[in-house]
Amino acid sequence: MLKKIAISAALGLGAFAFVACDSLLDTQPRQSVSPEVALEDISGVRGIVTSAYNRLLSEAAYVNTRVAAPEVLADNGVQNPQGNPSGRYVSEETNAVGTGVGGWGLYSALINDVNYVIADIDITEAPQGEKDNLKAQSLFLRALAYHDLVKTYGYEPGREQGGFDLGIVLRTSPTRGTTDADTPRPRSTNVEVYQQIEQDLLEAISLFQTATGSPSRFLANRAAAEALLSRVYLFWGQHQNVIPHATNAMENPLGASLANPNQVAGMFASTSTTPNREAFFEIRVTTTDYGNGVNGSLAALFTPEQWFDIVPSNELKELYEEGDRRFLVNDEGVISGWYSNRDRADRVVQTYTTKFMQTVDGIGQYTDNTPIIRFGEVLLNRAEAYANLGQDGPALNDLNQLREARGLDPVSLAGSDLLNEIIDERRRELAFEGHRWFDIKRLGRVLEKPEATGASPLLPDDFRFLSAIPNNQVVASNGVIIQNPGYTVEEED
């Protein structure tokens, strides 16, 4: 088992202390060493990589915000009028100024973790195959972090509004001290960021070919890198490149596979040892890893077991067809699949998503794994790419493959009707997994808010589609880091 390295980062000073512990429960530091010293031993490198994974186990990342906020900011999730509200995501529902997905500071720390490994792993005394594996994982994590950031704070290439093409600040070497941290860097263009992500993923794919160690879908792996690259190319508008990487991911024998109709209802019931059957890469969340489940978890947010703040919008529910195994209604009006209208005591409640139902550590622990990228998405990535290239036949085949796997009959469509149906299918398939807001933004479409919100539509040029850069970062840079349009920079004392 990898050792956890707890990292205390004073971001303004660039000071980092690496603390080794025997387990995720062991919070008492035994030793503090510099990153350079940690990198001399392979166990130290493993710890630094583990620290990067641990960053994703944050409410600002994949145990809450990065999954929930894109659903509420868009049109899939609304406040539950009958829940036990905690007050979260009220402003997001109406797209109040200042709401968004965020993650700037969290991902900056993750990126700095893996930058040490990527830059310096060659000094480590260890078998080359293991070093290749750890470097490949680090490159994947950096690519994931940069893509999550650039789609949050910038427009996609070719979808810029008002000619604004800034992405995020790129740092591909570690911040080793005060001098590095105190030297502000400007935001790179969106294209430059996408080029860096592409470079990282292509190198990771190559390194995974020579890596040693048993592949795990709870860790970065070659299939996951191919799958993520298909997502990146789709956002970039490079549809011809989506197809081979999506295909490579889906044909990889690692273990991810498309669930059949009889497997759909239970596919999200993953455990600490068995991931979602469709997951190429999944974040494992246990009470050992994450101790605030009763308040901050997706189960607490989405289900009747706790706060029950957010429920599916009527507009989303109406998109599902009769017989869809994801949203199946029987003769008595009982909903099953990825949704339910009954709580554990069989009482009728507001319809809710069952993708996060405390399946890892059991009821009362509020722990659920989060699939970051899975088969259903990658199949739709390829379908959308084919449709954009005018290859209606292959696009329709992919769409119907997914429909049939969800218990539905095939359809016959072409042209814009086919493309629009693929986008609707993405909404049905990926609801409550953190995709919808970013899909609407990258497609340049009008966001029609659910009627229940009382909010006005957002046009593609609405500045609120971009999150605000943290004000302290803009001020501390003395204007080197440019704030996103529409947001005011306030001077701080």
Protein backbone atom coordinates (compact mmCIF):
# COMPACT_ATOMS: atom_id res chain seq x y z
CA MET A 1 0.00 0.00 0.00
CA LEU A 2 1.22 3.46 -0.81
CA LYS A 3 2.13 5.66 2.11
CA LYS A 4 0.30 8.92 2.44
CA ILE A 5 2.40 12.03 2.35
CA ALA A 6 0.58 14.91 4.00
CA ILE A 7 1.63 18.18 2.47
CA SER A 8 1.35 21.50 4.24
CA ALA A 9 1.65 24.15 1.59
CA ALA A 10 2.07 27.83 2.29
CA LEU A 11 1.16 28.79 -1.25
CA GLY A 12 2.17 32.40 -0.94
CA LEU A 13 5.67 31.45 0.19
CA GLY A 14 6.07 28.27 -1.78
CA ALA A 15 7.12 26.36 1.37
CA PHE A 16 6.34 22.64 1.40
CA ALA A 17 6.77 20.10 4.21
CA PHE A 18 6.41 16.41 3.30
CA VAL A 19 5.23 14.31 6.25
CA ALA A 20 5.24 10.51 6.06
CA CYS A 21 2.50 8.47 7.72
CA ASP A 22 1.73 4.76 7.77
CA SER A 23 -1.91 5.15 6.77
CA LEU A 24 -4.56 7.66 5.93
CA LEU A 25 -5.72 7.57 9.56
CA ASP A 26 -2.26 8.31 10.91
CA THR A 27 -2.19 12.09 11.22
CA GLN A 28 0.78 12.35 13.57
CA PRO A 29 3.92 13.33 11.62
CA ARG A 30 6.94 11.10 12.01
CA GLN A 31 9.32 13.01 9.84
CA SER A 32 9.46 16.07 7.65
CA VAL A 33 11.69 16.01 4.63
CA SER A 34 12.20 18.17 1.60
CA PRO A 35 10.74 16.99 -1.73
CA GLU A 36 14.26 16.55 -3.07
CA VAL A 37 15.12 14.16 -0.24
CA ALA A 38 11.82 12.32 -0.60
CA LEU A 39 12.52 11.76 -4.28
CA GLU A 40 15.77 9.95 -3.55
CA ASP A 41 13.80 6.93 -2.32
CA ILE A 42 11.00 5.22 -4.26
CA SER A 43 8.76 5.13 -1.18
CA GLY A 44 9.00 8.92 -1.04
CA VAL A 45 7.98 9.19 -4.69
CA ARG A 46 5.01 6.92 -4.07
CA GLY A 47 4.02 9.15 -1.18
CA ILE A 48 4.15 12.33 -3.24
CA VAL A 49 1.93 10.74 -5.93
CA THR A 50 -0.47 9.53 -3.25
CA SER A 51 -0.64 13.07 -1.90
CA ALA A 52 -1.76 14.23 -5.34
CA TYR A 53 -4.55 11.64 -5.41
CA ASN A 54 -5.59 12.73 -1.93
CA ARG A 55 -6.15 16.26 -3.21
CA LEU A 56 -9.07 14.89 -5.23
CA LEU A 57 -10.65 13.65 -1.98
CA SER A 58 -11.81 17.16 -1.14
CA GLU A 59 -15.21 18.80 -0.98
CA ALA A 60 -13.83 21.28 -3.48
CA ALA A 61 -13.14 18.38 -5.84
CA TYR A 62 -14.74 15.00 -6.47
CA VAL A 63 -16.54 14.26 -3.23
CA ASN A 64 -18.83 17.26 -3.72
CA THR A 65 -18.33 20.50 -5.67
CA ARG A 66 -16.89 19.27 -8.97
CA VAL A 67 -19.75 16.77 -9.26
CA ALA A 68 -22.65 18.75 -7.81
CA ALA A 69 -22.05 22.36 -8.88
CA PRO A 70 -22.11 21.70 -12.67
CA GLU A 71 -25.53 20.04 -12.29
CA VAL A 72 -27.08 22.90 -10.33
CA LEU A 73 -25.43 25.70 -12.28
CA ALA A 74 -26.91 24.12 -15.41
CA ASP A 75 -30.37 22.56 -15.72
CA ASN A 76 -30.21 19.10 -14.15
CA GLY A 77 -30.38 19.84 -10.42
CA VAL A 78 -32.71 22.09 -8.41
CA GLN A 79 -33.30 22.80 -4.75
CA ASN A 80 -35.52 20.22 -3.07
CA PRO A 81 -38.67 21.98 -1.80
CA GLN A 82 -39.29 19.14 0.68
CA GLY A 83 -35.77 18.40 1.91
CA ASN A 84 -33.82 19.29 5.04
CA PRO A 85 -31.79 22.01 3.37
CA SER A 86 -28.29 22.88 4.47
CA GLY A 87 -28.28 26.06 2.38
CA ARG A 88 -25.79 24.80 -0.17
CA TYR A 89 -26.12 25.52 -3.90
CA VAL A 90 -28.95 28.02 -3.41
CA SER A 91 -27.03 30.75 -5.23
CA GLU A 92 -25.79 28.32 -7.89
CA GLU A 93 -29.37 27.47 -8.80
CA THR A 94 -29.92 31.05 -10.01
CA ASN A 95 -26.33 31.56 -11.23
CA ALA A 96 -25.67 34.40 -8.83
CA VAL A 97 -22.52 36.37 -9.65
CA GLY A 98 -19.54 34.75 -7.94
CA THR A 99 -20.86 31.21 -8.07
CA GLY A 100 -19.03 28.62 -10.14
CA VAL A 101 -17.05 25.42 -9.89
CA GLY A 102 -13.71 26.84 -8.75
CA GLY A 103 -10.75 24.73 -7.65
CA TRP A 104 -7.85 27.12 -8.36
CA GLY A 105 -5.95 26.64 -5.10
CA LEU A 106 -6.66 22.94 -4.70
CA TYR A 107 -5.44 22.05 -8.17
CA SER A 108 -2.43 24.33 -7.87
CA ALA A 109 -1.27 22.23 -4.91
CA LEU A 110 -1.93 18.97 -6.78
CA ILE A 111 -0.01 20.19 -9.81
CA ASN A 112 2.95 21.16 -7.68
CA ASP A 113 2.98 17.69 -6.09
CA VAL A 114 3.25 15.91 -9.42
CA ASN A 115 5.62 18.50 -10.90
CA TYR A 116 8.25 17.28 -8.43
CA VAL A 117 7.84 13.70 -9.63
CA ILE A 118 7.77 14.57 -13.32
CA ALA A 119 10.85 16.79 -13.06
CA ASP A 120 13.00 14.74 -10.70
CA ILE A 121 12.06 11.07 -10.71
CA ASP A 122 15.18 10.21 -12.69
CA ILE A 123 17.29 10.78 -9.54
CA THR A 124 15.38 8.01 -7.75
CA GLU A 125 17.03 4.64 -7.27
CA ALA A 126 14.34 2.20 -8.43
CA PRO A 127 13.45 -0.14 -11.31
CA GLN A 128 12.76 1.80 -14.50
CA GLY A 129 9.34 0.19 -14.94
CA GLU A 130 8.10 1.47 -11.60
CA LYS A 131 9.51 4.93 -12.27
CA ASP A 132 7.72 4.93 -15.64
CA ASN A 133 4.48 3.99 -13.90
CA LEU A 134 4.70 6.74 -11.27
CA LYS A 135 5.69 9.37 -13.83
CA ALA A 136 2.82 8.30 -16.12
CA GLN A 137 0.35 8.57 -13.24
CA SER A 138 1.72 12.02 -12.41
CA LEU A 139 1.35 13.18 -16.01
CA PHE A 140 -2.25 11.91 -16.07
CA LEU A 141 -3.08 13.73 -12.84
CA ARG A 142 -1.54 16.96 -14.10
CA ALA A 143 -3.51 16.68 -17.33
CA LEU A 144 -6.75 16.04 -15.43
CA ALA A 145 -6.06 19.00 -13.15
CA TYR A 146 -5.25 21.35 -16.00
CA HIS A 147 -8.32 20.32 -17.97
CA ASP A 148 -10.60 20.73 -14.96
CA LEU A 149 -9.11 24.19 -14.43
CA VAL A 150 -9.13 25.41 -18.02
CA LYS A 151 -12.75 24.40 -18.65
CA THR A 152 -13.69 26.18 -15.40
CA TYR A 153 -11.81 29.45 -15.92
CA GLY A 154 -11.53 29.69 -19.71
CA TYR A 155 -13.38 29.13 -22.96
CA GLU A 156 -12.71 26.22 -25.27
CA PRO A 157 -10.63 26.94 -28.38
CA GLY A 158 -12.97 28.10 -31.12
CA ARG A 159 -15.74 28.89 -28.60
CA GLU A 160 -14.28 32.12 -27.20
CA GLN A 161 -16.70 34.90 -26.37
CA GLY A 162 -15.66 38.45 -27.19
CA GLY A 163 -12.26 37.19 -28.34
CA PHE A 164 -11.25 36.29 -24.77
CA ASP A 165 -8.83 33.39 -25.09
CA LEU A 166 -6.99 33.25 -21.77
CA GLY A 167 -6.80 29.91 -20.01
CA ILE A 168 -4.91 29.41 -16.77
CA VAL A 169 -1.39 29.81 -15.39
CA LEU A 170 0.81 26.94 -16.55
CA ARG A 171 3.50 25.68 -14.21
CA THR A 172 5.26 22.55 -15.38
CA SER A 173 8.21 22.73 -13.00
CA PRO A 174 7.93 22.53 -9.22
CA THR A 175 7.78 25.56 -6.98
CA ARG A 176 10.90 24.92 -4.94
CA GLY A 177 11.01 28.02 -2.78
CA THR A 178 10.03 31.61 -2.15
CA THR A 179 11.59 32.94 -5.34
CA ASP A 180 9.62 30.58 -7.54
CA ALA A 181 6.35 31.26 -5.72
CA ASP A 182 6.76 35.03 -5.64
CA THR A 183 7.33 35.31 -9.37
CA PRO A 184 3.83 35.67 -10.85
CA ARG A 185 3.19 34.21 -14.26
CA PRO A 186 0.51 35.36 -16.68
CA ARG A 187 -2.30 33.13 -17.82
CA SER A 188 -1.48 31.09 -20.91
CA THR A 189 -3.92 31.04 -23.81
CA ASN A 190 -6.53 28.30 -23.93
CA VAL A 191 -4.75 26.70 -26.91
CA GLU A 192 -1.42 26.66 -25.05
CA VAL A 193 -3.07 24.92 -22.10
CA TYR A 194 -4.70 22.32 -24.35
CA GLN A 195 -1.38 21.69 -26.05
CA GLN A 196 0.22 21.04 -22.65
CA ILE A 197 -2.58 18.66 -21.65
CA GLU A 198 -2.23 16.80 -24.95
CA GLN A 199 1.54 16.51 -24.47
CA ASP A 200 1.12 15.17 -20.92
CA LEU A 201 -1.43 12.54 -21.91
CA LEU A 202 0.48 11.34 -24.96
CA GLU A 203 3.60 10.93 -22.84
CA ALA A 204 1.61 9.14 -20.13
CA ILE A 205 0.16 6.72 -22.69
CA SER A 206 3.66 5.97 -23.97
CA LEU A 207 5.09 5.46 -20.48
CA PHE A 208 2.26 3.15 -19.42
CA GLN A 209 3.40 0.81 -22.20
CA THR A 210 6.70 0.19 -20.38
CA ALA A 211 5.37 0.59 -16.83
CA THR A 212 5.40 -2.28 -14.35
CA GLY A 213 2.87 -3.05 -11.64
CA SER A 214 -0.72 -4.27 -11.70
CA PRO A 215 -3.05 -1.78 -13.38
CA SER A 216 -5.86 -0.51 -11.17
CA ARG A 217 -8.90 1.50 -12.11
CA PHE A 218 -8.54 3.31 -8.77
CA LEU A 219 -5.25 4.69 -10.13
CA ALA A 220 -4.33 6.36 -13.40
CA ASN A 221 -3.73 3.79 -16.13
CA ARG A 222 -3.31 3.64 -19.88
CA ALA A 223 -7.00 3.15 -20.69
CA ALA A 224 -7.89 6.09 -18.46
CA ALA A 225 -5.31 8.28 -20.22
CA GLU A 226 -6.73 7.35 -23.63
CA ALA A 227 -10.25 8.02 -22.35
CA LEU A 228 -9.32 11.40 -20.87
CA LEU A 229 -7.58 12.38 -24.09
CA SER A 230 -10.78 11.62 -26.01
CA ARG A 231 -12.59 14.05 -23.68
CA VAL A 232 -9.90 16.71 -24.11
CA TYR A 233 -9.99 16.48 -27.90
CA LEU A 234 -13.80 16.73 -27.85
CA PHE A 235 -13.63 19.95 -25.82
CA TRP A 236 -10.85 21.20 -28.10
CA GLY A 237 -12.97 20.55 -31.19
CA GLN A 238 -10.41 18.13 -32.67
CA HIS A 239 -13.03 15.55 -33.55
CA GLN A 240 -10.80 13.49 -35.80
CA ASN A 241 -8.50 12.83 -32.81
CA VAL A 242 -11.32 11.86 -30.46
CA ILE A 243 -12.08 8.68 -32.40
CA PRO A 244 -8.81 6.68 -32.14
CA HIS A 245 -8.29 7.46 -28.47
CA ALA A 246 -11.88 6.69 -27.52
CA THR A 247 -11.57 3.43 -29.45
CA ASN A 248 -8.26 2.56 -27.78
CA ALA A 249 -9.79 3.13 -24.35
CA MET A 250 -12.87 1.01 -25.01
CA GLU A 251 -10.85 -1.81 -26.55
CA ASN A 252 -8.33 -1.92 -23.69
CA PRO A 253 -8.68 -5.19 -21.76
CA LEU A 254 -8.13 -3.52 -18.37
CA GLY A 255 -11.68 -4.32 -17.25
CA ALA A 256 -13.99 -1.37 -17.95
CA SER A 257 -16.97 -2.47 -20.01
CA LEU A 258 -20.39 -1.22 -21.02
CA ALA A 259 -23.09 -2.35 -18.60
CA ASN A 260 -25.95 -4.31 -20.15
CA PRO A 261 -29.62 -3.60 -19.34
CA ASN A 262 -29.65 -6.04 -16.43
CA GLN A 263 -26.53 -4.46 -14.91
CA VAL A 264 -27.54 -0.81 -15.22
CA ALA A 265 -29.39 -0.36 -11.95
CA GLY A 266 -26.54 -1.63 -9.77
CA MET A 267 -23.51 -0.39 -11.65
CA PHE A 268 -22.85 2.55 -9.30
CA ALA A 269 -22.80 0.30 -6.23
CA SER A 270 -18.99 0.19 -6.22
CA THR A 271 -16.95 -0.72 -3.16
CA SER A 272 -13.49 -0.15 -1.73
CA THR A 273 -12.20 -3.04 -3.83
CA THR A 274 -14.53 -3.15 -6.86
CA PRO A 275 -15.06 -0.04 -8.98
CA ASN A 276 -17.99 0.79 -11.23
CA ARG A 277 -17.87 -1.74 -14.09
CA GLU A 278 -17.74 1.16 -16.58
CA ALA A 279 -15.07 3.23 -14.81
CA PHE A 280 -11.73 3.73 -16.49
CA PHE A 281 -10.65 5.81 -13.49
CA GLU A 282 -12.55 6.12 -10.24
CA ILE A 283 -11.80 7.98 -7.01
CA ARG A 284 -12.07 5.61 -4.07
CA VAL A 285 -13.71 7.30 -1.08
CA THR A 286 -13.80 5.58 2.31
CA THR A 287 -14.33 6.85 5.84
CA THR A 288 -10.59 6.37 6.31
CA ASP A 289 -9.93 8.77 3.44
CA TYR A 290 -12.75 11.22 4.02
CA GLY A 291 -14.33 11.84 7.40
CA ASN A 292 -16.97 14.51 6.71
CA GLY A 293 -19.44 12.36 4.80
CA VAL A 294 -22.42 13.15 6.97
CA ASN A 295 -22.17 16.80 5.93
CA GLY A 296 -20.07 17.14 2.81
CA SER A 297 -20.67 14.02 0.77
CA LEU A 298 -22.71 13.54 -2.38
CA ALA A 299 -24.94 11.04 -0.57
CA ALA A 300 -25.76 13.68 2.05
CA LEU A 301 -26.45 16.25 -0.64
CA PHE A 302 -28.47 14.17 -3.11
CA THR A 303 -30.39 11.58 -1.07
CA PRO A 304 -33.05 11.44 1.69
CA GLU A 305 -30.47 9.96 4.07
CA GLN A 306 -29.30 13.39 5.19
CA TRP A 307 -29.71 16.97 3.92
CA PHE A 308 -31.36 16.05 0.59
CA ASP A 309 -30.73 19.50 -0.88
CA ILE A 310 -30.67 18.78 -4.62
CA VAL A 311 -33.12 16.78 -6.75
CA PRO A 312 -33.47 16.26 -10.52
CA SER A 313 -35.31 18.99 -12.41
CA ASN A 314 -38.63 18.14 -14.04
CA GLU A 315 -37.05 18.98 -17.38
CA LEU A 316 -34.37 16.32 -16.88
CA LYS A 317 -36.85 13.66 -15.77
CA GLU A 318 -38.99 14.26 -18.84
CA LEU A 319 -36.06 13.39 -21.12
CA TYR A 320 -36.11 9.71 -20.16
CA GLU A 321 -38.19 7.41 -22.36
CA GLU A 322 -40.53 4.70 -21.18
CA GLY A 323 -38.58 1.51 -20.55
CA ASP A 324 -35.25 3.24 -19.93
CA ARG A 325 -33.42 1.15 -17.32
CA ARG A 326 -31.80 4.32 -15.98
CA PHE A 327 -35.23 5.76 -15.09
CA LEU A 328 -37.77 2.96 -14.93
CA VAL A 329 -41.34 3.52 -13.68
CA ASN A 330 -43.48 0.48 -12.87
CA ASP A 331 -47.28 0.18 -12.83
CA GLU A 332 -47.43 1.35 -9.22
CA GLY A 333 -45.42 4.49 -9.99
CA VAL A 334 -42.28 3.28 -8.25
CA ILE A 335 -39.14 4.67 -9.90
CA SER A 336 -35.98 2.61 -10.08
CA GLY A 337 -32.66 2.55 -11.90
CA TRP A 338 -30.45 5.57 -11.33
CA TYR A 339 -33.35 7.35 -9.64
CA SER A 340 -35.90 6.58 -6.95
CA ASN A 341 -38.98 8.15 -5.41
CA ARG A 342 -38.90 5.96 -2.30
CA ASP A 343 -36.61 6.25 0.71
CA ARG A 344 -35.21 3.24 2.58
CA ALA A 345 -38.42 2.99 4.63
CA ASP A 346 -40.41 2.85 1.37
CA ARG A 347 -41.94 6.26 1.97
CA VAL A 348 -42.72 8.40 -1.08
CA VAL A 349 -40.28 11.28 -1.41
CA GLN A 350 -39.03 13.67 -4.09
CA THR A 351 -37.38 11.80 -6.95
CA TYR A 352 -33.61 11.69 -6.39
CA THR A 353 -30.50 10.26 -7.98
CA THR A 354 -29.27 6.95 -6.58
CA LYS A 355 -25.80 7.13 -8.10
CA PHE A 356 -24.43 7.89 -4.62
CA MET A 357 -26.06 5.59 -2.06
CA GLN A 358 -23.37 4.89 0.57
CA THR A 359 -22.11 1.71 -1.05
CA VAL A 360 -18.48 1.76 0.13
CA ASP A 361 -18.58 1.72 3.94
CA GLY A 362 -22.31 1.23 4.44
CA ILE A 363 -25.33 3.21 5.59
CA GLY A 364 -24.44 5.97 8.02
CA GLN A 365 -20.94 6.45 6.60
CA TYR A 366 -21.98 8.46 3.50
CA THR A 367 -19.11 7.18 1.40
CA ASP A 368 -19.33 6.58 -2.34
CA ASN A 369 -16.70 6.31 -5.01
CA THR A 370 -16.72 8.89 -7.77
CA PRO A 371 -16.16 7.68 -11.34
CA ILE A 372 -14.09 10.35 -13.10
CA ILE A 373 -14.37 8.94 -16.61
CA ARG A 374 -16.30 5.89 -17.73
CA PHE A 375 -17.36 3.86 -20.73
CA GLY A 376 -20.72 5.54 -21.36
CA GLU A 377 -19.07 8.95 -21.67
CA VAL A 378 -16.28 7.75 -23.94
CA LEU A 379 -18.75 6.03 -26.26
CA LEU A 380 -20.69 9.28 -26.52
CA ASN A 381 -17.46 11.24 -27.05
CA ARG A 382 -16.85 9.11 -30.13
CA ALA A 383 -20.48 9.35 -31.29
CA GLU A 384 -20.40 13.15 -31.08
CA ALA A 385 -17.07 13.29 -32.90
CA TYR A 386 -18.37 11.10 -35.73
CA ALA A 387 -21.51 13.26 -36.02
CA ASN A 388 -19.47 16.47 -36.19
CA LEU A 389 -17.38 14.94 -38.98
CA GLY A 390 -20.52 14.07 -40.94
CA GLN A 391 -20.05 10.33 -40.40
CA ASP A 392 -23.66 9.64 -39.48
CA GLY A 393 -23.45 5.85 -39.79
CA PRO A 394 -20.76 5.27 -37.13
CA ALA A 395 -22.28 8.01 -34.94
CA LEU A 396 -25.67 6.30 -35.05
CA ASN A 397 -24.09 2.93 -34.30
CA ASP A 398 -22.47 4.32 -31.16
CA LEU A 399 -25.65 6.05 -30.04
CA ASN A 400 -27.73 2.92 -30.55
CA GLN A 401 -25.14 0.77 -28.80
CA LEU A 402 -25.65 2.87 -25.69
CA ARG A 403 -29.43 3.00 -26.08
CA GLU A 404 -29.66 -0.77 -26.35
CA ALA A 405 -27.41 -1.16 -23.30
CA ARG A 406 -29.93 0.98 -21.41
CA GLY A 407 -32.90 -1.11 -22.53
CA LEU A 408 -34.11 1.10 -25.37
CA ASP A 409 -34.84 0.44 -29.02
CA PRO A 410 -32.49 1.82 -31.67
CA VAL A 411 -33.37 5.03 -33.50
CA SER A 412 -32.77 6.21 -37.06
CA LEU A 413 -31.55 9.81 -37.30
CA ALA A 414 -29.14 11.88 -39.38
CA GLY A 415 -27.52 15.30 -39.54
CA SER A 416 -28.40 17.87 -36.90
CA ASP A 417 -31.17 15.67 -35.49
CA LEU A 418 -28.62 12.96 -34.79
CA LEU A 419 -26.15 15.37 -33.19
CA ASN A 420 -28.86 16.89 -30.99
CA GLU A 421 -29.98 13.44 -29.88
CA ILE A 422 -26.40 12.54 -28.92
CA ILE A 423 -26.22 15.71 -26.79
CA ASP A 424 -29.55 14.79 -25.14
CA GLU A 425 -28.19 11.30 -24.54
CA ARG A 426 -25.15 12.79 -22.79
CA ARG A 427 -27.53 14.64 -20.49
CA ARG A 428 -29.46 11.47 -19.65
CA GLU A 429 -26.41 9.26 -19.29
CA LEU A 430 -24.09 11.59 -17.37
CA ALA A 431 -26.58 13.43 -15.14
CA PHE A 432 -25.24 14.04 -11.63
CA GLU A 433 -21.67 13.23 -12.61
CA GLY A 434 -20.51 16.83 -13.11
CA HIS A 435 -20.68 17.27 -16.89
CA ARG A 436 -23.77 19.26 -17.87
CA TRP A 437 -22.55 22.84 -17.19
CA PHE A 438 -19.37 22.25 -19.14
CA ASP A 439 -21.21 20.61 -22.05
CA ILE A 440 -23.53 23.60 -22.47
CA LYS A 441 -20.57 25.99 -22.27
CA ARG A 442 -18.33 24.15 -24.75
CA LEU A 443 -21.21 23.81 -27.24
CA GLY A 444 -22.00 27.52 -27.05
CA ARG A 445 -25.67 26.82 -26.35
CA VAL A 446 -28.27 28.83 -24.48
CA LEU A 447 -28.81 27.51 -20.96
CA GLU A 448 -32.54 27.26 -20.38
CA LYS A 449 -32.93 27.22 -16.62
CA PRO A 450 -35.51 24.86 -15.06
CA GLU A 451 -38.88 26.46 -14.45
CA ALA A 452 -38.61 25.70 -10.73
CA THR A 453 -35.64 28.07 -10.38
CA GLY A 454 -37.45 31.12 -11.72
CA ALA A 455 -34.14 32.13 -13.32
CA SER A 456 -33.66 33.63 -16.75
CA PRO A 457 -31.77 31.80 -19.51
CA LEU A 458 -28.02 32.31 -19.83
CA LEU A 459 -26.81 33.22 -23.30
CA PRO A 460 -23.47 31.81 -24.49
CA ASP A 461 -21.73 35.16 -23.99
CA ASP A 462 -22.83 35.48 -20.35
CA PHE A 463 -19.67 36.05 -18.29
CA ARG A 464 -20.98 33.76 -15.54
CA PHE A 465 -20.05 30.70 -17.61
CA LEU A 466 -16.49 31.36 -16.38
CA SER A 467 -15.58 31.16 -12.71
CA ALA A 468 -13.83 34.17 -11.19
CA ILE A 469 -10.09 33.89 -10.59
CA PRO A 470 -9.56 34.15 -6.79
CA ASN A 471 -9.25 37.84 -6.06
CA ASN A 472 -6.18 37.43 -3.84
CA GLN A 473 -4.30 35.79 -6.71
CA VAL A 474 -5.08 38.67 -9.06
CA VAL A 475 -4.14 41.34 -6.52
CA ALA A 476 -0.94 39.60 -5.39
CA SER A 477 0.23 39.33 -8.99
CA ASN A 478 0.03 43.12 -9.47
CA GLY A 479 -2.05 42.65 -12.58
CA VAL A 480 0.05 39.92 -14.17
CA ILE A 481 -2.85 37.51 -13.72
CA ILE A 482 -5.84 38.99 -15.55
CA GLN A 483 -9.29 38.53 -14.03
CA ASN A 484 -12.07 37.05 -16.14
CA PRO A 485 -14.47 39.46 -17.86
CA GLY A 486 -17.38 40.69 -15.79
CA TYR A 487 -15.70 40.36 -12.39
CA THR A 488 -14.38 43.28 -10.36
CA VAL A 489 -10.89 43.16 -8.88
CA GLU A 490 -10.95 44.56 -5.34
CA GLU A 491 -7.76 45.78 -3.71
CA GLU A 492 -6.99 44.06 -0.40
CA ASP A 493 -5.45 45.61 2.71
